[in-house]
């Protein structure tokens, strides 16, 4: 998996993931809010 500039290693991000229990879907792993905000701030026009 690629690494985004300014973001941690995949394993580090994976440890901070949050699981959300969605009705009729079940558990879904999502990026921690702090990491999501940081990833959007480091996003470039080429992404």
PDB file of N, CA and C in Angstrom:
ATOM      1  N   UNK A   1       0.841  -1.170   0.000  1.00  0.00           N
ATOM      2  CA  UNK A   1       0.000   0.000   0.000  1.00  0.00           C
ATOM      3  C   UNK A   1       0.885   1.231   0.000  1.00  0.00           C
ATOM      4  N   UNK A   2       0.482   2.249  -0.745  1.00  0.00           N
ATOM      5  CA  UNK A   2       1.256   3.481  -0.821  1.00  0.00           C
ATOM      6  C   UNK A   2       1.197   4.269   0.482  1.00  0.00           C
ATOM      7  N   UNK A   3       2.148   5.148   0.609  1.00  0.00           N
ATOM      8  CA  UNK A   3       2.209   5.968   1.814  1.00  0.00           C
ATOM      9  C   UNK A   3       1.987   7.417   1.425  1.00  0.00           C
ATOM     10  N   UNK A   4       1.079   8.055   2.093  1.00  0.00           N
ATOM     11  CA  UNK A   4       0.793   9.459   1.851  1.00  0.00           C
ATOM     12  C   UNK A   4       1.787  10.337   2.585  1.00  0.00           C
ATOM     13  N   UNK A   5       2.206  11.401   1.940  1.00  0.00           N
ATOM     14  CA  UNK A   5       3.128  12.352   2.555  1.00  0.00           C
ATOM     15  C   UNK A   5       2.520  12.893   3.849  1.00  0.00           C
ATOM     16  N   UNK A   6       3.287  12.879   4.927  1.00  0.00           N
ATOM     17  CA  UNK A   6       2.823  13.401   6.203  1.00  0.00           C
ATOM     18  C   UNK A   6       2.022  12.420   7.030  1.00  0.00           C
ATOM     19  N   UNK A   7       1.823  11.211   6.514  1.00  0.00           N
ATOM     20  CA  UNK A   7       1.036  10.206   7.230  1.00  0.00           C
ATOM     21  C   UNK A   7       1.963   9.124   7.772  1.00  0.00           C
ATOM     22  N   UNK A   8       1.478   8.383   8.752  1.00  0.00           N
ATOM     23  CA  UNK A   8       2.254   7.303   9.335  1.00  0.00           C
ATOM     24  C   UNK A   8       2.283   6.075   8.437  1.00  0.00           C
ATOM     25  N   UNK A   9       2.986   5.082   8.879  1.00  0.00           N
ATOM     26  CA  UNK A   9       3.035   3.809   8.171  1.00  0.00           C
ATOM     27  C   UNK A   9       1.664   3.128   8.250  1.00  0.00           C
ATOM     28  N   UNK A  10       1.390   2.237   7.304  1.00  0.00           N
ATOM     29  CA  UNK A  10       0.095   1.558   7.258  1.00  0.00           C
ATOM     30  C   UNK A  10      -0.225   0.858   8.571  1.00  0.00           C
ATOM     31  N   UNK A  11       0.734   0.152   9.126  1.00  0.00           N
ATOM     32  CA  UNK A  11       0.501  -0.596  10.360  1.00  0.00           C
ATOM     33  C   UNK A  11       0.089   0.335  11.500  1.00  0.00           C
ATOM     34  N   UNK A  12       0.707   1.497  11.535  1.00  0.00           N
ATOM     35  CA  UNK A  12       0.396   2.500  12.556  1.00  0.00           C
ATOM     36  C   UNK A  12      -1.042   3.016  12.386  1.00  0.00           C
ATOM     37  N   UNK A  13      -1.428   3.293  11.156  1.00  0.00           N
ATOM     38  CA  UNK A  13      -2.789   3.762  10.874  1.00  0.00           C
ATOM     39  C   UNK A  13      -3.807   2.663  11.161  1.00  0.00           C
ATOM     40  N   UNK A  14      -3.463   1.428  10.812  1.00  0.00           N
ATOM     41  CA  UNK A  14      -4.362   0.299  11.016  1.00  0.00           C
ATOM     42  C   UNK A  14      -4.670   0.098  12.499  1.00  0.00           C
ATOM     43  N   UNK A  15      -3.658   0.301  13.349  1.00  0.00           N
ATOM     44  CA  UNK A  15      -3.861   0.142  14.791  1.00  0.00           C
ATOM     45  C   UNK A  15      -4.844   1.169  15.342  1.00  0.00           C
ATOM     46  N   UNK A  16      -4.932   2.323  14.703  1.00  0.00           N
ATOM     47  CA  UNK A  16      -5.818   3.391  15.184  1.00  0.00           C
ATOM     48  C   UNK A  16      -7.197   3.369  14.532  1.00  0.00           C
ATOM     49  N   UNK A  17      -7.438   2.394  13.677  1.00  0.00           N
ATOM     50  CA  UNK A  17      -8.739   2.333  13.002  1.00  0.00           C
ATOM     51  C   UNK A  17      -9.877   2.219  14.014  1.00  0.00           C
ATOM     52  N   UNK A  18     -11.047   2.592  13.579  1.00  0.00           N
ATOM     53  CA  UNK A  18     -12.244   2.521  14.403  1.00  0.00           C
ATOM     54  C   UNK A  18     -13.230   1.614  13.683  1.00  0.00           C
ATOM     55  N   UNK A  19     -13.921   0.759  14.424  1.00  0.00           N
ATOM     56  CA  UNK A  19     -14.948  -0.089  13.819  1.00  0.00           C
ATOM     57  C   UNK A  19     -16.314   0.478  14.145  1.00  0.00           C
ATOM     58  N   UNK A  20     -17.124   0.632  13.099  1.00  0.00           N
ATOM     59  CA  UNK A  20     -18.473   1.166  13.231  1.00  0.00           C
ATOM     60  C   UNK A  20     -19.443   0.046  12.902  1.00  0.00           C
ATOM     61  N   UNK A  21     -20.447  -0.147  13.749  1.00  0.00           N
ATOM     62  CA  UNK A  21     -21.460  -1.176  13.518  1.00  0.00           C
ATOM     63  C   UNK A  21     -22.640  -0.547  12.795  1.00  0.00           C
ATOM     64  N   UNK A  22     -22.742  -0.821  11.485  1.00  0.00           N
ATOM     65  CA  UNK A  22     -23.820  -0.255  10.677  1.00  0.00           C
ATOM     66  C   UNK A  22     -24.985  -1.226  10.586  1.00  0.00           C
ATOM     67  N   UNK A  23     -26.204  -0.725  10.780  1.00  0.00           N
ATOM     68  CA  UNK A  23     -27.378  -1.594  10.667  1.00  0.00           C
ATOM     69  C   UNK A  23     -27.437  -2.248   9.286  1.00  0.00           C
ATOM     70  N   UNK A  24     -27.748  -3.508   9.262  1.00  0.00           N
ATOM     71  CA  UNK A  24     -27.897  -4.306   8.045  1.00  0.00           C
ATOM     72  C   UNK A  24     -26.591  -4.480   7.259  1.00  0.00           C
ATOM     73  N   UNK A  25     -25.481  -4.009   7.808  1.00  0.00           N
ATOM     74  CA  UNK A  25     -24.189  -4.165   7.142  1.00  0.00           C
ATOM     75  C   UNK A  25     -23.230  -4.914   8.049  1.00  0.00           C
ATOM     76  N   UNK A  26     -23.175  -4.499   9.310  1.00  0.00           N
ATOM     77  CA  UNK A  26     -22.266  -5.103  10.271  1.00  0.00           C
ATOM     78  C   UNK A  26     -21.104  -4.175  10.572  1.00  0.00           C
ATOM     79  N   UNK A  27     -20.010  -4.762  11.052  1.00  0.00           N
ATOM     80  CA  UNK A  27     -18.841  -3.972  11.417  1.00  0.00           C
ATOM     81  C   UNK A  27     -18.070  -3.523  10.174  1.00  0.00           C
ATOM     82  N   UNK A  28     -17.735  -2.245  10.160  1.00  0.00           N
ATOM     83  CA  UNK A  28     -16.966  -1.675   9.065  1.00  0.00           C
ATOM     84  C   UNK A  28     -15.787  -0.935   9.681  1.00  0.00           C
ATOM     85  N   UNK A  29     -14.581  -1.252   9.241  1.00  0.00           N
ATOM     86  CA  UNK A  29     -13.383  -0.581   9.740  1.00  0.00           C
ATOM     87  C   UNK A  29     -13.201   0.727   8.976  1.00  0.00           C
ATOM     88  N   UNK A  30     -13.019   1.808   9.722  1.00  0.00           N
ATOM     89  CA  UNK A  30     -12.806   3.115   9.103  1.00  0.00           C
ATOM     90  C   UNK A  30     -11.576   3.775   9.707  1.00  0.00           C
ATOM     91  N   UNK A  31     -11.007   4.682   8.964  1.00  0.00           N
ATOM     92  CA  UNK A  31      -9.837   5.418   9.414  1.00  0.00           C
ATOM     93  C   UNK A  31     -10.213   6.287  10.611  1.00  0.00           C
ATOM     94  N   UNK A  32      -9.333   6.378  11.580  1.00  0.00           N
ATOM     95  CA  UNK A  32      -9.576   7.229  12.737  1.00  0.00           C
ATOM     96  C   UNK A  32      -9.757   8.671  12.263  1.00  0.00           C
ATOM     97  N   UNK A  33     -10.636   9.420  12.904  1.00  0.00           N
ATOM     98  CA  UNK A  33     -10.954  10.783  12.477  1.00  0.00           C
ATOM     99  C   UNK A  33      -9.697  11.654  12.376  1.00  0.00           C
ATOM    100  N   UNK A  34      -8.822  11.562  13.338  1.00  0.00           N
ATOM    101  CA  UNK A  34      -7.581  12.351  13.328  1.00  0.00           C
ATOM    102  C   UNK A  34      -6.767  12.069  12.061  1.00  0.00           C
ATOM    103  N   UNK A  35      -6.673  10.786  11.683  1.00  0.00           N
ATOM    104  CA  UNK A  35      -5.910  10.402  10.494  1.00  0.00           C
ATOM    105  C   UNK A  35      -6.623  10.834   9.220  1.00  0.00           C
ATOM    106  N   UNK A  36      -7.951  10.768   9.206  1.00  0.00           N
ATOM    107  CA  UNK A  36      -8.725  11.190   8.042  1.00  0.00           C
ATOM    108  C   UNK A  36      -8.531  12.685   7.791  1.00  0.00           C
ATOM    109  N   UNK A  37      -8.621  13.484   8.839  1.00  0.00           N
ATOM    110  CA  UNK A  37      -8.429  14.925   8.707  1.00  0.00           C
ATOM    111  C   UNK A  37      -7.019  15.223   8.212  1.00  0.00           C
ATOM    112  N   UNK A  38      -6.033  14.552   8.789  1.00  0.00           N
ATOM    113  CA  UNK A  38      -4.643  14.758   8.389  1.00  0.00           C
ATOM    114  C   UNK A  38      -4.433  14.371   6.921  1.00  0.00           C
ATOM    115  N   UNK A  39      -5.064  13.288   6.483  1.00  0.00           N
ATOM    116  CA  UNK A  39      -4.891  12.842   5.094  1.00  0.00           C
ATOM    117  C   UNK A  39      -5.499  13.845   4.120  1.00  0.00           C
ATOM    118  N   UNK A  40      -6.601  14.457   4.501  1.00  0.00           N
ATOM    119  CA  UNK A  40      -7.219  15.459   3.632  1.00  0.00           C
ATOM    120  C   UNK A  40      -6.355  16.714   3.558  1.00  0.00           C
ATOM    121  N   UNK A  41      -5.691  17.066   4.652  1.00  0.00           N
ATOM    122  CA  UNK A  41      -4.832  18.253   4.676  1.00  0.00           C
ATOM    123  C   UNK A  41      -3.587  18.040   3.826  1.00  0.00           C
ATOM    124  N   UNK A  42      -3.141  16.801   3.678  1.00  0.00           N
ATOM    125  CA  UNK A  42      -1.928  16.524   2.902  1.00  0.00           C
ATOM    126  C   UNK A  42      -2.237  16.158   1.458  1.00  0.00           C
ATOM    127  N   UNK A  43      -3.517  16.137   1.104  1.00  0.00           N
ATOM    128  CA  UNK A  43      -3.916  15.766  -0.249  1.00  0.00           C
ATOM    129  C   UNK A  43      -3.413  16.810  -1.248  1.00  0.00           C
ATOM    130  N   UNK A  44      -2.955  16.342  -2.398  1.00  0.00           N
ATOM    131  CA  UNK A  44      -2.465  17.257  -3.429  1.00  0.00           C
ATOM    132  C   UNK A  44      -3.396  17.249  -4.635  1.00  0.00           C
ATOM    133  N   UNK A  45      -3.192  18.166  -5.536  1.00  0.00           N
ATOM    134  CA  UNK A  45      -4.013  18.241  -6.747  1.00  0.00           C
ATOM    135  C   UNK A  45      -3.859  16.994  -7.623  1.00  0.00           C
ATOM    136  N   UNK A  46      -2.748  16.279  -7.469  1.00  0.00           N
ATOM    137  CA  UNK A  46      -2.509  15.096  -8.298  1.00  0.00           C
ATOM    138  C   UNK A  46      -3.214  13.855  -7.776  1.00  0.00           C
ATOM    139  N   UNK A  47      -3.793  13.896  -6.590  1.00  0.00           N
ATOM    140  CA  UNK A  47      -4.453  12.710  -6.003  1.00  0.00           C
ATOM    141  C   UNK A  47      -5.762  12.416  -6.708  1.00  0.00           C
TER     142      UNK A  47
END
